Structures are given as C-alpha cells and as structure tokens.
C-alpha cells in the first residue's frame, strides 16, 4: 500500500465491517514496519503481536466523526502515538520484571530515530505546534506524561514534588487547549 493512500476509507471500512479480519489485514500491512521497529527496540519481535492488538483496539475507537480525522496526517499521528504509547508500557513492564531502571535510553533512542515511524511523528505538524507553545521544560513534562509516566515518576525524574508536577501538567493542558484552539 502506498503511504499516501487515504486511510479514512480503510479505517471506516474496518469499523463498519462485521468480519474485521480482512480489513484489519490491509491496515496491518501499512503499520507492520512501525510495529516491527518497536518490537525490535523492545528486544523481542514477538511483542509485535501485542502492539498489533493495541493497533486493532485503536482502529476500533478512532473518532472518525471528527472532521480532522478525514486527513491522513491525523489518523497516522493518532495510530502512531497509540503504538508508541503501547510500546512504552511494554518497555516499563519489561524493565519492572528485569529489575532495571525504567529511565533508560529507549525514549531517547526513539525520539532521535531517523527510521520511518516516529521521525515522521516527531515532525508532525501538531507536535510542532505543541512544542512551540511550551517551554523546553514544559515540553519535556508533556512528553513524559504522554509516554505514560505517572506523576510520581515525573516528580522523581525532575526532583520536584508530585503536586508540583500536577500543577505544571494543568498549566500545560491549559496552554495546549488555548493555543491549539481545541
């Protein structure tokens, strides 16, 4: 499938289908490189199946009724971030079971990646708009929260209190909502 093929009709067909297997296979082929990339980053290609399950669930609930989701870039961003978030959760779970620190190079490596996948997201118009609205510290907190870190984890990483993180996150949300006209 060409990367410029309109995703809206494919996702709509998937959501409307009684038997979702065939339409999911079409969409899965489009996202296989990204699923593979994250499974390899996690060090276990078998995790690709877990990530595909998260992709399937995201396809079920993607809000196609919102006008912006008629454009490829919003569907791609939504699905890439779902996969990225799922990979982050799997990484934390893996690190928790191995006893290693969850603050590893996983996020740094993926954010600096030039491969197809996250590099496209990193330059996504929406993320750039958010980045422009926030200070460097606020953007770091935003990304940590978005990646699934809990307030206490962010607080430990920044050496501040958890209520301070909550206060900053509220301020960040207000800035994003007012700045992006959501």
Protein backbone atom coordinates (compact mmCIF):
# COMPACT_ATOMS: atom_id res chain seq x y z
CA UNK A 1 0.00 0.00 0.00
CA UNK A 2 1.28 3.42 -0.93
CA UNK A 3 1.93 5.60 2.13
CA UNK A 4 -0.24 8.31 0.58
CA UNK A 5 -3.30 6.05 0.22
CA UNK A 6 -6.20 7.65 2.05
CA UNK A 7 -6.61 5.95 5.39
CA UNK A 8 -10.06 7.32 6.18
CA UNK A 9 -11.97 4.91 3.87
CA UNK A 10 -9.85 1.98 5.06
CA UNK A 11 -10.43 2.74 8.74
CA UNK A 12 -14.13 3.43 8.09
CA UNK A 13 -14.47 0.10 6.26
CA UNK A 14 -12.74 -1.62 9.20
CA UNK A 15 -15.05 0.00 11.76
CA UNK A 16 -18.18 -0.81 9.73
CA UNK A 17 -17.24 -4.40 8.84
CA UNK A 18 -18.93 -7.34 10.52
CA UNK A 19 -15.88 -9.51 9.88
CA UNK A 20 -12.96 -7.21 10.61
CA UNK A 21 -10.19 -9.68 9.72
CA UNK A 22 -9.79 -8.77 6.05
CA UNK A 23 -9.90 -5.01 6.53
CA UNK A 24 -7.57 -5.27 9.54
CA UNK A 25 -5.03 -7.21 7.45
CA UNK A 26 -4.95 -4.37 4.93
CA UNK A 27 -4.32 -1.81 7.68
CA UNK A 28 -1.88 -4.07 9.49
CA UNK A 29 0.33 -4.26 6.38
CA UNK A 30 0.52 -0.44 6.42
CA UNK A 31 1.73 -0.38 10.02
CA UNK A 32 3.89 -3.52 10.09
CA UNK A 33 7.19 -1.58 9.72
CA UNK A 34 6.32 0.56 12.73
CA UNK A 35 5.20 -2.43 14.80
CA UNK A 36 8.39 -4.26 13.88
CA UNK A 37 10.53 -1.24 14.75
CA UNK A 38 9.11 -1.00 18.26
CA UNK A 39 9.20 -4.76 18.83
CA UNK A 40 12.90 -4.74 17.89
CA UNK A 41 13.56 -1.75 20.13
CA UNK A 42 11.93 -3.71 22.94
CA UNK A 43 14.25 -6.61 22.14
CA UNK A 44 11.50 -9.15 21.42
CA UNK A 45 9.98 -9.48 17.96
CA UNK A 46 7.10 -11.47 19.49
CA UNK A 47 5.88 -8.24 21.12
CA UNK A 48 4.80 -7.18 17.64
CA UNK A 49 1.63 -9.21 18.25
CA UNK A 50 0.87 -7.23 21.42
CA UNK A 51 1.41 -3.99 19.53
CA UNK A 52 -0.85 -5.20 16.70
CA UNK A 53 -3.56 -5.87 19.29
CA UNK A 54 -3.24 -2.26 20.50
CA UNK A 55 -3.41 -1.07 16.89
CA UNK A 56 -6.60 -3.11 16.40
CA UNK A 57 -8.17 -1.55 19.51
CA UNK A 58 -7.19 1.95 18.41
CA UNK A 59 -8.73 1.37 14.98
CA UNK A 60 -11.97 0.37 16.70
CA UNK A 61 -12.26 3.64 18.60
CA UNK A 62 -10.61 6.22 16.35
CA UNK A 63 -13.11 9.11 16.25
CA UNK A 64 -13.79 9.31 12.52
CA UNK A 65 -16.81 11.52 13.20
CA UNK A 66 -14.38 14.35 13.96
CA UNK A 67 -13.71 16.27 10.76
CA UNK A 68 -9.95 16.42 11.28
CA UNK A 69 -9.71 12.62 11.09
CA UNK A 70 -10.63 12.78 7.42
CA UNK A 71 -6.99 13.77 6.81
CA UNK A 72 -4.23 11.15 6.74
CA UNK A 73 -1.89 13.09 8.99
CA UNK A 74 -4.29 12.99 11.95
CA UNK A 75 -5.12 9.31 11.54
CA UNK A 76 -1.41 8.48 11.19
CA UNK A 77 -0.47 10.56 14.20
CA UNK A 78 -3.23 9.02 16.31
CA UNK A 79 -2.27 5.46 15.39
CA UNK A 80 1.50 6.02 15.66
CA UNK A 81 1.10 7.51 19.09
CA UNK A 82 -1.10 4.62 20.16
CA UNK A 83 1.61 2.19 19.09
CA UNK A 84 4.33 4.30 20.69
CA UNK A 85 2.39 4.54 23.94
CA UNK A 86 1.78 0.77 23.93
CA UNK A 87 5.49 0.17 23.35
CA UNK A 88 6.30 2.46 26.28
CA UNK A 89 4.01 0.45 28.55
CA UNK A 90 5.56 -2.81 27.39
CA UNK A 91 9.03 -1.36 27.99
CA UNK A 92 8.13 -0.34 31.54
CA UNK A 93 6.63 -3.76 32.23
CA UNK A 94 9.72 -5.47 30.85
CA UNK A 95 12.04 -3.26 32.91
CA UNK A 96 9.96 -3.80 36.04
CA UNK A 97 10.28 -7.58 35.68
CA UNK A 98 14.00 -7.39 34.93
CA UNK A 99 14.68 -5.09 37.89
CA UNK A 100 16.44 -2.47 35.75
CA UNK A 101 15.69 1.23 35.80
CA UNK A 102 12.77 2.35 33.65
CA UNK A 103 14.62 5.57 32.86
CA UNK A 104 16.63 4.08 30.03
CA UNK A 105 17.68 5.19 26.59
CA UNK A 106 14.53 3.74 24.99
CA UNK A 107 12.74 7.07 24.70
CA UNK A 108 15.85 9.00 23.74
CA UNK A 109 16.67 6.47 21.04
CA UNK A 110 13.18 6.53 19.59
CA UNK A 111 12.88 10.32 19.67
CA UNK A 112 16.14 10.70 17.77
CA UNK A 113 15.31 7.92 15.31
CA UNK A 114 15.50 8.66 11.60
CA UNK A 115 13.64 5.49 10.63
CA UNK A 116 10.12 5.51 9.22
CA UNK A 117 7.77 5.81 12.12
CA UNK A 118 8.48 8.12 14.97
CA UNK A 119 10.64 10.50 12.97
CA UNK A 120 7.52 11.24 10.92
CA UNK A 121 5.59 11.83 14.11
CA UNK A 122 8.32 14.00 15.61
CA UNK A 123 7.95 16.37 12.69
CA UNK A 124 4.19 16.13 12.70
CA UNK A 125 2.51 19.49 12.48
CA UNK A 126 0.52 19.03 15.69
CA UNK A 127 3.52 18.09 17.79
CA UNK A 128 5.47 21.02 16.42
CA UNK A 129 2.58 23.31 17.33
CA UNK A 130 2.55 21.94 20.87
CA UNK A 131 6.31 22.24 21.12
CA UNK A 132 6.08 25.90 20.02
CA UNK A 133 3.51 26.62 22.74
CA UNK A 134 5.56 25.21 25.60
CA UNK A 135 8.89 25.94 27.19
CA UNK A 136 11.56 23.24 26.92
CA UNK A 137 10.83 22.06 30.49
CA UNK A 138 7.09 22.02 29.89
CA UNK A 139 7.53 20.06 26.69
CA UNK A 140 9.70 17.51 28.49
CA UNK A 141 6.99 17.07 31.14
CA UNK A 142 4.31 16.86 28.44
CA UNK A 143 6.21 14.13 26.59
CA UNK A 144 6.85 12.14 29.78
CA UNK A 145 3.15 12.29 30.69
CA UNK A 146 2.14 11.39 27.16
CA UNK A 147 4.52 8.44 27.17
CA UNK A 148 2.69 7.11 30.21
CA UNK A 149 4.89 8.15 33.09
CA UNK A 150 2.91 8.69 36.29
CA UNK A 151 3.13 11.96 38.20
CA UNK A 152 5.33 10.43 40.88
CA UNK A 153 7.77 9.11 38.24
CA UNK A 154 7.98 12.52 36.59
CA UNK A 155 8.48 14.13 40.00
CA UNK A 156 11.36 11.78 40.83
CA UNK A 157 12.96 12.38 37.44
CA UNK A 158 12.73 16.18 37.87
CA UNK A 159 13.49 16.14 41.62
CA UNK A 160 10.28 18.01 42.49
CA UNK A 161 7.15 17.11 44.41
CA UNK A 162 4.25 15.26 42.83
CA UNK A 163 1.83 18.16 43.49
CA UNK A 164 4.26 20.45 41.64
CA UNK A 165 4.13 18.11 38.64
CA UNK A 166 0.31 18.03 38.77
CA UNK A 167 0.23 21.83 38.86
CA UNK A 168 2.60 22.04 35.88
CA UNK A 169 0.55 19.49 33.93
CA UNK A 170 -2.62 21.53 34.48
CA UNK A 171 -0.82 24.63 33.24
CA UNK A 172 0.49 22.70 30.21
CA UNK A 173 -3.01 21.41 29.39
CA UNK A 174 -4.42 24.94 29.55
CA UNK A 175 -1.66 26.24 27.26
CA UNK A 176 -2.24 23.47 24.73
CA UNK A 177 -6.01 23.84 24.73
CA UNK A 178 -5.90 27.61 24.35
CA UNK A 179 -3.00 27.57 21.89
CA UNK A 180 -4.35 24.92 19.55
CA UNK A 181 -7.94 26.19 19.67
CA UNK A 182 -9.28 22.78 20.70
